[in-house]
Amino acid sequence: MTTLSAPESTPERLDDVRALWDSLIRQVAADGFMVIGASGLPVAHPALRYFSALHSAMRDLETGTESSGTETPLEQMQRLARQALDDYDAEHAT
């Protein structure tokens, strides 16, 4: 997955978060909502669990109410997206 750099301005950050959202949507669309889990049974796509947090980050950027933690919403979404894809890849490793 391509790492996005954290831009300085909120509009640029919002664009990057939306691009990440779009990328995850494309990945889920390609793989399907249900994938085969580690046990061989169908499970919900691992990336689906991160859409709520991603939506919250976009909302915060749109309204200017970003959290003041050490990790920006964009950094959090990148980390969560990478984690979801790593989890998916680990489940489907042969």
PDB file of N, CA and C in Angstrom:
ATOM      1  N   MET A   1       0.845  -1.176   0.000  1.00  0.00           N
ATOM      2  CA  MET A   1       0.000   0.000   0.000  1.00  0.00           C
ATOM      3  C   MET A   1       0.886   1.233   0.000  1.00  0.00           C
ATOM      4  N   THR A   2       0.529   2.236  -0.736  1.00  0.00           N
ATOM      5  CA  THR A   2       1.291   3.467  -0.837  1.00  0.00           C
ATOM      6  C   THR A   2       1.119   4.278   0.434  1.00  0.00           C
ATOM      7  N   THR A   3       2.233   4.784   0.970  1.00  0.00           N
ATOM      8  CA  THR A   3       2.177   5.627   2.155  1.00  0.00           C
ATOM      9  C   THR A   3       1.972   7.064   1.727  1.00  0.00           C
ATOM     10  N   LEU A   4       1.000   7.709   2.323  1.00  0.00           N
ATOM     11  CA  LEU A   4       0.718   9.109   2.023  1.00  0.00           C
ATOM     12  C   LEU A   4       1.429   9.974   3.040  1.00  0.00           C
ATOM     13  N   SER A   5       2.012  11.072   2.604  1.00  0.00           N
ATOM     14  CA  SER A   5       2.625  11.999   3.550  1.00  0.00           C
ATOM     15  C   SER A   5       1.542  12.922   4.089  1.00  0.00           C
ATOM     16  N   ALA A   6       1.726  13.349   5.322  1.00  0.00           N
ATOM     17  CA  ALA A   6       0.742  14.217   5.956  1.00  0.00           C
ATOM     18  C   ALA A   6       0.938  15.647   5.457  1.00  0.00           C
ATOM     19  N   PRO A   7       0.027  16.157   4.624  1.00  0.00           N
ATOM     20  CA  PRO A   7       0.156  17.522   4.136  1.00  0.00           C
ATOM     21  C   PRO A   7      -0.131  18.535   5.240  1.00  0.00           C
ATOM     22  N   GLU A   8       0.246  19.753   4.969  1.00  0.00           N
ATOM     23  CA  GLU A   8       0.115  20.804   5.964  1.00  0.00           C
ATOM     24  C   GLU A   8      -1.318  21.290   6.149  1.00  0.00           C
ATOM     25  N   SER A   9      -2.059  21.457   5.087  1.00  0.00           N
ATOM     26  CA  SER A   9      -3.370  22.080   5.210  1.00  0.00           C
ATOM     27  C   SER A   9      -4.480  21.040   5.331  1.00  0.00           C
ATOM     28  N   THR A  10      -5.535  21.418   6.013  1.00  0.00           N
ATOM     29  CA  THR A  10      -6.676  20.531   6.221  1.00  0.00           C
ATOM     30  C   THR A  10      -7.317  20.096   4.910  1.00  0.00           C
ATOM     31  N   PRO A  11      -7.520  20.988   3.916  1.00  0.00           N
ATOM     32  CA  PRO A  11      -8.106  20.513   2.656  1.00  0.00           C
ATOM     33  C   PRO A  11      -7.274  19.420   1.997  1.00  0.00           C
ATOM     34  N   GLU A  12      -5.944  19.566   2.038  1.00  0.00           N
ATOM     35  CA  GLU A  12      -5.081  18.537   1.460  1.00  0.00           C
ATOM     36  C   GLU A  12      -5.175  17.249   2.263  1.00  0.00           C
ATOM     37  N   ARG A  13      -5.235  17.360   3.573  1.00  0.00           N
ATOM     38  CA  ARG A  13      -5.357  16.172   4.421  1.00  0.00           C
ATOM     39  C   ARG A  13      -6.685  15.488   4.160  1.00  0.00           C
ATOM     40  N   LEU A  14      -7.746  16.255   4.009  1.00  0.00           N
ATOM     41  CA  LEU A  14      -9.056  15.672   3.723  1.00  0.00           C
ATOM     42  C   LEU A  14      -9.024  14.948   2.387  1.00  0.00           C
ATOM     43  N   ASP A  15      -8.366  15.527   1.396  1.00  0.00           N
ATOM     44  CA  ASP A  15      -8.243  14.866   0.092  1.00  0.00           C
ATOM     45  C   ASP A  15      -7.511  13.530   0.233  1.00  0.00           C
ATOM     46  N   ASP A  16      -6.455  13.503   1.045  1.00  0.00           N
ATOM     47  CA  ASP A  16      -5.708  12.262   1.245  1.00  0.00           C
ATOM     48  C   ASP A  16      -6.538  11.214   1.982  1.00  0.00           C
ATOM     49  N   VAL A  17      -7.319  11.649   2.964  1.00  0.00           N
ATOM     50  CA  VAL A  17      -8.177  10.708   3.685  1.00  0.00           C
ATOM     51  C   VAL A  17      -9.247  10.161   2.742  1.00  0.00           C
ATOM     52  N   ARG A  18      -9.813  11.018   1.921  1.00  0.00           N
ATOM     53  CA  ARG A  18     -10.799  10.544   0.938  1.00  0.00           C
ATOM     54  C   ARG A  18     -10.165   9.571  -0.048  1.00  0.00           C
ATOM     55  N   ALA A  19      -8.921   9.824  -0.457  1.00  0.00           N
ATOM     56  CA  ALA A  19      -8.220   8.909  -1.363  1.00  0.00           C
ATOM     57  C   ALA A  19      -8.008   7.554  -0.695  1.00  0.00           C
ATOM     58  N   LEU A  20      -7.689   7.574   0.584  1.00  0.00           N
ATOM     59  CA  LEU A  20      -7.538   6.327   1.330  1.00  0.00           C
ATOM     60  C   LEU A  20      -8.871   5.588   1.403  1.00  0.00           C
ATOM     61  N   TRP A  21      -9.944   6.322   1.687  1.00  0.00           N
ATOM     62  CA  TRP A  21     -11.300   5.755   1.709  1.00  0.00           C
ATOM     63  C   TRP A  21     -11.600   5.074   0.371  1.00  0.00           C
ATOM     64  N   ASP A  22     -11.343   5.801  -0.714  1.00  0.00           N
ATOM     65  CA  ASP A  22     -11.605   5.266  -2.055  1.00  0.00           C
ATOM     66  C   ASP A  22     -10.778   4.010  -2.320  1.00  0.00           C
ATOM     67  N   SER A  23      -9.535   4.020  -1.880  1.00  0.00           N
ATOM     68  CA  SER A  23      -8.667   2.868  -2.070  1.00  0.00           C
ATOM     69  C   SER A  23      -9.205   1.641  -1.329  1.00  0.00           C
ATOM     70  N   LEU A  24      -9.643   1.844  -0.090  1.00  0.00           N
ATOM     71  CA  LEU A  24     -10.208   0.722   0.667  1.00  0.00           C
ATOM     72  C   LEU A  24     -11.509   0.234   0.043  1.00  0.00           C
ATOM     73  N   ILE A  25     -12.320   1.158  -0.457  1.00  0.00           N
ATOM     74  CA  ILE A  25     -13.564   0.763  -1.126  1.00  0.00           C
ATOM     75  C   ILE A  25     -13.241  -0.104  -2.340  1.00  0.00           C
ATOM     76  N   ARG A  26     -12.256   0.319  -3.125  1.00  0.00           N
ATOM     77  CA  ARG A  26     -11.872  -0.471  -4.298  1.00  0.00           C
ATOM     78  C   ARG A  26     -11.370  -1.858  -3.894  1.00  0.00           C
ATOM     79  N   GLN A  27     -10.615  -1.927  -2.797  1.00  0.00           N
ATOM     80  CA  GLN A  27     -10.092  -3.214  -2.341  1.00  0.00           C
ATOM     81  C   GLN A  27     -11.230  -4.136  -1.914  1.00  0.00           C
ATOM     82  N   VAL A  28     -12.180  -3.611  -1.153  1.00  0.00           N
ATOM     83  CA  VAL A  28     -13.327  -4.417  -0.717  1.00  0.00           C
ATOM     84  C   VAL A  28     -14.175  -4.812  -1.925  1.00  0.00           C
ATOM     85  N   ALA A  29     -14.351  -3.898  -2.857  1.00  0.00           N
ATOM     86  CA  ALA A  29     -15.134  -4.217  -4.051  1.00  0.00           C
ATOM     87  C   ALA A  29     -14.466  -5.332  -4.853  1.00  0.00           C
ATOM     88  N   ALA A  30     -13.147  -5.307  -4.926  1.00  0.00           N
ATOM     89  CA  ALA A  30     -12.423  -6.336  -5.682  1.00  0.00           C
ATOM     90  C   ALA A  30     -12.478  -7.686  -4.969  1.00  0.00           C
ATOM     91  N   ASP A  31     -12.346  -7.664  -3.637  1.00  0.00           N
ATOM     92  CA  ASP A  31     -12.296  -8.913  -2.865  1.00  0.00           C
ATOM     93  C   ASP A  31     -13.677  -9.437  -2.509  1.00  0.00           C
ATOM     94  N   GLY A  32     -14.643  -8.519  -2.393  1.00  0.00           N
ATOM     95  CA  GLY A  32     -15.986  -8.874  -1.946  1.00  0.00           C
ATOM     96  C   GLY A  32     -16.158  -8.569  -0.461  1.00  0.00           C
ATOM     97  N   PHE A  33     -17.404  -8.426  -0.042  1.00  0.00           N
ATOM     98  CA  PHE A  33     -17.681  -8.132   1.364  1.00  0.00           C
ATOM     99  C   PHE A  33     -17.329  -9.316   2.260  1.00  0.00           C
ATOM    100  N   MET A  34     -17.464 -10.494   1.723  1.00  0.00           N
ATOM    101  CA  MET A  34     -17.125 -11.705   2.460  1.00  0.00           C
ATOM    102  C   MET A  34     -15.892 -12.321   1.820  1.00  0.00           C
ATOM    103  N   VAL A  35     -14.943 -12.710   2.648  1.00  0.00           N
ATOM    104  CA  VAL A  35     -13.724 -13.373   2.187  1.00  0.00           C
ATOM    105  C   VAL A  35     -13.545 -14.638   3.019  1.00  0.00           C
ATOM    106  N   ILE A  36     -12.672 -15.497   2.581  1.00  0.00           N
ATOM    107  CA  ILE A  36     -12.410 -16.716   3.329  1.00  0.00           C
ATOM    108  C   ILE A  36     -11.421 -16.394   4.447  1.00  0.00           C
ATOM    109  N   GLY A  37     -11.819 -16.681   5.669  1.00  0.00           N
ATOM    110  CA  GLY A  37     -10.977 -16.412   6.828  1.00  0.00           C
ATOM    111  C   GLY A  37      -9.947 -17.498   7.065  1.00  0.00           C
ATOM    112  N   ALA A  38      -9.164 -17.350   8.129  1.00  0.00           N
ATOM    113  CA  ALA A  38      -8.089 -18.283   8.452  1.00  0.00           C
ATOM    114  C   ALA A  38      -8.615 -19.699   8.692  1.00  0.00           C
ATOM    115  N   SER A  39      -9.827 -19.811   9.188  1.00  0.00           N
ATOM    116  CA  SER A  39     -10.394 -21.128   9.466  1.00  0.00           C
ATOM    117  C   SER A  39     -11.022 -21.757   8.228  1.00  0.00           C
ATOM    118  N   GLY A  40     -11.004 -21.035   7.120  1.00  0.00           N
ATOM    119  CA  GLY A  40     -11.578 -21.549   5.888  1.00  0.00           C
ATOM    120  C   GLY A  40     -13.053 -21.220   5.715  1.00  0.00           C
ATOM    121  N   LEU A  41     -13.604 -20.503   6.668  1.00  0.00           N
ATOM    122  CA  LEU A  41     -15.014 -20.112   6.591  1.00  0.00           C
ATOM    123  C   LEU A  41     -15.130 -18.668   6.119  1.00  0.00           C
ATOM    124  N   PRO A  42     -16.252 -18.310   5.490  1.00  0.00           N
ATOM    125  CA  PRO A  42     -16.445 -16.919   5.058  1.00  0.00           C
ATOM    126  C   PRO A  42     -16.553 -15.973   6.261  1.00  0.00           C
ATOM    127  N   VAL A  43     -15.871 -14.856   6.151  1.00  0.00           N
ATOM    128  CA  VAL A  43     -15.917 -13.801   7.176  1.00  0.00           C
ATOM    129  C   VAL A  43     -16.051 -12.462   6.467  1.00  0.00           C
ATOM    130  N   ALA A  44     -16.468 -11.440   7.211  1.00  0.00           N
ATOM    131  CA  ALA A  44     -16.522 -10.091   6.659  1.00  0.00           C
ATOM    132  C   ALA A  44     -15.104  -9.640   6.316  1.00  0.00           C
ATOM    133  N   HIS A  45     -14.975  -8.897   5.226  1.00  0.00           N
ATOM    134  CA  HIS A  45     -13.663  -8.388   4.806  1.00  0.00           C
ATOM    135  C   HIS A  45     -13.040  -7.630   5.979  1.00  0.00           C
ATOM    136  N   PRO A  46     -11.776  -7.903   6.306  1.00  0.00           N
ATOM    137  CA  PRO A  46     -11.139  -7.247   7.455  1.00  0.00           C
ATOM    138  C   PRO A  46     -11.122  -5.720   7.370  1.00  0.00           C
ATOM    139  N   ALA A  47     -11.078  -5.157   6.168  1.00  0.00           N
ATOM    140  CA  ALA A  47     -11.026  -3.695   6.030  1.00  0.00           C
ATOM    141  C   ALA A  47     -12.326  -3.032   6.456  1.00  0.00           C
ATOM    142  N   LEU A  48     -13.422  -3.775   6.449  1.00  0.00           N
ATOM    143  CA  LEU A  48     -14.719  -3.172   6.785  1.00  0.00           C
ATOM    144  C   LEU A  48     -14.748  -2.600   8.198  1.00  0.00           C
ATOM    145  N   ARG A  49     -13.998  -3.186   9.100  1.00  0.00           N
ATOM    146  CA  ARG A  49     -14.032  -2.713  10.494  1.00  0.00           C
ATOM    147  C   ARG A  49     -13.437  -1.311  10.669  1.00  0.00           C
ATOM    148  N   TYR A  50     -12.715  -0.810   9.644  1.00  0.00           N
ATOM    149  CA  TYR A  50     -12.051   0.483   9.768  1.00  0.00           C
ATOM    150  C   TYR A  50     -12.819   1.645   9.143  1.00  0.00           C
ATOM    151  N   PHE A  51     -13.907   1.354   8.472  1.00  0.00           N
ATOM    152  CA  PHE A  51     -14.629   2.426   7.793  1.00  0.00           C
ATOM    153  C   PHE A  51     -15.280   3.417   8.752  1.00  0.00           C
ATOM    154  N   SER A  52     -15.720   2.954   9.903  1.00  0.00           N
ATOM    155  CA  SER A  52     -16.317   3.868  10.875  1.00  0.00           C
ATOM    156  C   SER A  52     -15.290   4.890  11.359  1.00  0.00           C
ATOM    157  N   ALA A  53     -14.089   4.421  11.687  1.00  0.00           N
ATOM    158  CA  ALA A  53     -13.037   5.336  12.145  1.00  0.00           C
ATOM    159  C   ALA A  53     -12.613   6.274  11.024  1.00  0.00           C
ATOM    160  N   LEU A  54     -12.554   5.750   9.810  1.00  0.00           N
ATOM    161  CA  LEU A  54     -12.194   6.583   8.667  1.00  0.00           C
ATOM    162  C   LEU A  54     -13.252   7.649   8.418  1.00  0.00           C
ATOM    163  N   HIS A  55     -14.507   7.264   8.539  1.00  0.00           N
ATOM    164  CA  HIS A  55     -15.596   8.237   8.380  1.00  0.00           C
ATOM    165  C   HIS A  55     -15.501   9.323   9.447  1.00  0.00           C
ATOM    166  N   SER A  56     -15.200   8.943  10.674  1.00  0.00           N
ATOM    167  CA  SER A  56     -15.049   9.928  11.756  1.00  0.00           C
ATOM    168  C   SER A  56     -13.910  10.889  11.471  1.00  0.00           C
ATOM    169  N   ALA A  57     -12.805  10.368  10.943  1.00  0.00           N
ATOM    170  CA  ALA A  57     -11.669  11.244  10.626  1.00  0.00           C
ATOM    171  C   ALA A  57     -12.043  12.229   9.538  1.00  0.00           C
ATOM    172  N   MET A  58     -12.764  11.765   8.515  1.00  0.00           N
ATOM    173  CA  MET A  58     -13.192  12.682   7.452  1.00  0.00           C
ATOM    174  C   MET A  58     -14.137  13.738   8.005  1.00  0.00           C
ATOM    175  N   ARG A  59     -15.069  13.317   8.856  1.00  0.00           N
ATOM    176  CA  ARG A  59     -16.004  14.272   9.446  1.00  0.00           C
ATOM    177  C   ARG A  59     -15.252  15.316  10.267  1.00  0.00           C
ATOM    178  N   ASP A  60     -14.274  14.859  11.065  1.00  0.00           N
ATOM    179  CA  ASP A  60     -13.492  15.790  11.876  1.00  0.00           C
ATOM    180  C   ASP A  60     -12.732  16.778  11.015  1.00  0.00           C
ATOM    181  N   LEU A  61     -12.157  16.308   9.921  1.00  0.00           N
ATOM    182  CA  LEU A  61     -11.437  17.218   9.028  1.00  0.00           C
ATOM    183  C   LEU A  61     -12.388  18.198   8.353  1.00  0.00           C
ATOM    184  N   GLU A  62     -13.572  17.718   7.982  1.00  0.00           N
ATOM    185  CA  GLU A  62     -14.545  18.590   7.318  1.00  0.00           C
ATOM    186  C   GLU A  62     -15.077  19.658   8.254  1.00  0.00           C
ATOM    187  N   THR A  63     -15.239  19.325   9.535  1.00  0.00           N
ATOM    188  CA  THR A  63     -15.799  20.279  10.493  1.00  0.00           C
ATOM    189  C   THR A  63     -14.734  21.022  11.283  1.00  0.00           C
ATOM    190  N   GLY A  64     -13.456  20.613  11.104  1.00  0.00           N
ATOM    191  CA  GLY A  64     -12.379  21.286  11.840  1.00  0.00           C
ATOM    192  C   GLY A  64     -12.307  20.887  13.291  1.00  0.00           C
ATOM    193  N   THR A  65     -12.773  19.701  13.633  1.00  0.00           N
ATOM    194  CA  THR A  65     -12.754  19.246  15.029  1.00  0.00           C
ATOM    195  C   THR A  65     -11.807  18.068  15.213  1.00  0.00           C
ATOM    196  N   GLU A  66     -10.616  18.167  14.626  1.00  0.00           N
ATOM    197  CA  GLU A  66      -9.632  17.091  14.747  1.00  0.00           C
ATOM    198  C   GLU A  66      -9.252  16.877  16.200  1.00  0.00           C
ATOM    199  N   SER A  67      -8.985  15.624  16.536  1.00  0.00           N
ATOM    200  CA  SER A  67      -8.503  15.333  17.885  1.00  0.00           C
ATOM    201  C   SER A  67      -7.071  15.819  18.003  1.00  0.00           C
ATOM    202  N   SER A  68      -6.642  16.104  19.203  1.00  0.00           N
ATOM    203  CA  SER A  68      -5.301  16.658  19.405  1.00  0.00           C
ATOM    204  C   SER A  68      -4.340  15.592  19.915  1.00  0.00           C
ATOM    205  N   GLY A  69      -4.516  14.349  19.520  1.00  0.00           N
ATOM    206  CA  GLY A  69      -3.629  13.270  19.924  1.00  0.00           C
ATOM    207  C   GLY A  69      -2.300  13.356  19.197  1.00  0.00           C
ATOM    208  N   THR A  70      -1.440  12.402  19.497  1.00  0.00           N
ATOM    209  CA  THR A  70      -0.130  12.400  18.870  1.00  0.00           C
ATOM    210  C   THR A  70      -0.207  11.915  17.439  1.00  0.00           C
ATOM    211  N   GLU A  71      -1.246  11.164  17.096  1.00  0.00           N
ATOM    212  CA  GLU A  71      -1.414  10.627  15.754  1.00  0.00           C
ATOM    213  C   GLU A  71      -2.532  11.395  15.053  1.00  0.00           C
ATOM    214  N   THR A  72      -2.237  11.935  13.876  1.00  0.00           N
ATOM    215  CA  THR A  72      -3.266  12.657  13.134  1.00  0.00           C
ATOM    216  C   THR A  72      -4.280  11.656  12.590  1.00  0.00           C
ATOM    217  N   PRO A  73      -5.480  12.102  12.247  1.00  0.00           N
ATOM    218  CA  PRO A  73      -6.459  11.179  11.671  1.00  0.00           C
ATOM    219  C   PRO A  73      -5.929  10.475  10.428  1.00  0.00           C
ATOM    220  N   LEU A  74      -5.183  11.185   9.596  1.00  0.00           N
ATOM    221  CA  LEU A  74      -4.626  10.574   8.397  1.00  0.00           C
ATOM    222  C   LEU A  74      -3.632   9.477   8.777  1.00  0.00           C
ATOM    223  N   GLU A  75      -2.774   9.758   9.726  1.00  0.00           N
ATOM    224  CA  GLU A  75      -1.809   8.751  10.164  1.00  0.00           C
ATOM    225  C   GLU A  75      -2.523   7.543  10.771  1.00  0.00           C
ATOM    226  N   GLN A  76      -3.568   7.800  11.542  1.00  0.00           N
ATOM    227  CA  GLN A  76      -4.341   6.709  12.126  1.00  0.00           C
ATOM    228  C   GLN A  76      -4.987   5.862  11.027  1.00  0.00           C
ATOM    229  N   MET A  77      -5.571   6.497  10.034  1.00  0.00           N
ATOM    230  CA  MET A  77      -6.223   5.752   8.962  1.00  0.00           C
ATOM    231  C   MET A  77      -5.208   4.969   8.136  1.00  0.00           C
ATOM    232  N   GLN A  78      -4.040   5.553   7.901  1.00  0.00           N
ATOM    233  CA  GLN A  78      -3.008   4.821   7.176  1.00  0.00           C
ATOM    234  C   GLN A  78      -2.588   3.591   7.960  1.00  0.00           C
ATOM    235  N   ARG A  79      -2.383   3.763   9.259  1.00  0.00           N
ATOM    236  CA  ARG A  79      -1.979   2.643  10.103  1.00  0.00           C
ATOM    237  C   ARG A  79      -3.058   1.565  10.114  1.00  0.00           C
ATOM    238  N   LEU A  80      -4.306   1.959  10.287  1.00  0.00           N
ATOM    239  CA  LEU A  80      -5.397   0.994  10.331  1.00  0.00           C
ATOM    240  C   LEU A  80      -5.596   0.301   8.987  1.00  0.00           C
ATOM    241  N   ALA A  81      -5.452   1.053   7.912  1.00  0.00           N
ATOM    242  CA  ALA A  81      -5.597   0.451   6.582  1.00  0.00           C
ATOM    243  C   ALA A  81      -4.485  -0.556   6.324  1.00  0.00           C
ATOM    244  N   ARG A  82      -3.252  -0.179   6.675  1.00  0.00           N
ATOM    245  CA  ARG A  82      -2.139  -1.123   6.508  1.00  0.00           C
ATOM    246  C   ARG A  82      -2.357  -2.367   7.355  1.00  0.00           C
ATOM    247  N   GLN A  83      -2.838  -2.163   8.585  1.00  0.00           N
ATOM    248  CA  GLN A  83      -3.106  -3.291   9.473  1.00  0.00           C
ATOM    249  C   GLN A  83      -4.178  -4.204   8.885  1.00  0.00           C
ATOM    250  N   ALA A  84      -5.230  -3.621   8.350  1.00  0.00           N
ATOM    251  CA  ALA A  84      -6.308  -4.421   7.756  1.00  0.00           C
ATOM    252  C   ALA A  84      -5.799  -5.233   6.578  1.00  0.00           C
ATOM    253  N   LEU A  85      -5.005  -4.613   5.722  1.00  0.00           N
ATOM    254  CA  LEU A  85      -4.478  -5.332   4.571  1.00  0.00           C
ATOM    255  C   LEU A  85      -3.461  -6.388   4.998  1.00  0.00           C
ATOM    256  N   ASP A  86      -2.647  -6.086   6.020  1.00  0.00           N
ATOM    257  CA  ASP A  86      -1.709  -7.086   6.532  1.00  0.00           C
ATOM    258  C   ASP A  86      -2.457  -8.274   7.123  1.00  0.00           C
ATOM    259  N   ASP A  87      -3.528  -7.988   7.878  1.00  0.00           N
ATOM    260  CA  ASP A  87      -4.352  -9.056   8.451  1.00  0.00           C
ATOM    261  C   ASP A  87      -4.958  -9.915   7.345  1.00  0.00           C
ATOM    262  N   TYR A  88      -5.449  -9.250   6.309  1.00  0.00           N
ATOM    263  CA  TYR A  88      -6.048  -9.970   5.187  1.00  0.00           C
ATOM    264  C   TYR A  88      -5.007 -10.830   4.491  1.00  0.00           C
ATOM    265  N   ASP A  89      -3.834 -10.251   4.238  1.00  0.00           N
ATOM    266  CA  ASP A  89      -2.775 -11.001   3.577  1.00  0.00           C
ATOM    267  C   ASP A  89      -2.323 -12.198   4.421  1.00  0.00           C
ATOM    268  N   ALA A  90      -2.236 -12.010   5.746  1.00  0.00           N
ATOM    269  CA  ALA A  90      -1.836 -13.093   6.632  1.00  0.00           C
ATOM    270  C   ALA A  90      -2.860 -14.214   6.615  1.00  0.00           C
ATOM    271  N   GLU A  91      -4.131 -13.867   6.528  1.00  0.00           N
ATOM    272  CA  GLU A  91      -5.191 -14.889   6.497  1.00  0.00           C
ATOM    273  C   GLU A  91      -5.177 -15.670   5.203  1.00  0.00           C
ATOM    274  N   HIS A  92      -4.681 -15.056   4.124  1.00  0.00           N
ATOM    275  CA  HIS A  92      -4.716 -15.696   2.817  1.00  0.00           C
ATOM    276  C   HIS A  92      -3.337 -16.151   2.327  1.00  0.00           C
ATOM    277  N   ALA A  93      -2.363 -16.145   3.227  1.00  0.00           N
ATOM    278  CA  ALA A  93      -1.018 -16.590   2.852  1.00  0.00           C
ATOM    279  C   ALA A  93      -1.049 -18.101   2.600  1.00  0.00           C
ATOM    280  N   THR A  94      -0.331 -18.505   1.606  1.00  0.00           N
ATOM    281  CA  THR A  94      -0.295 -19.951   1.296  1.00  0.00           C
ATOM    282  C   THR A  94       1.031 -20.552   1.637  1.00  0.00           C
TER     283      THR A  94
END
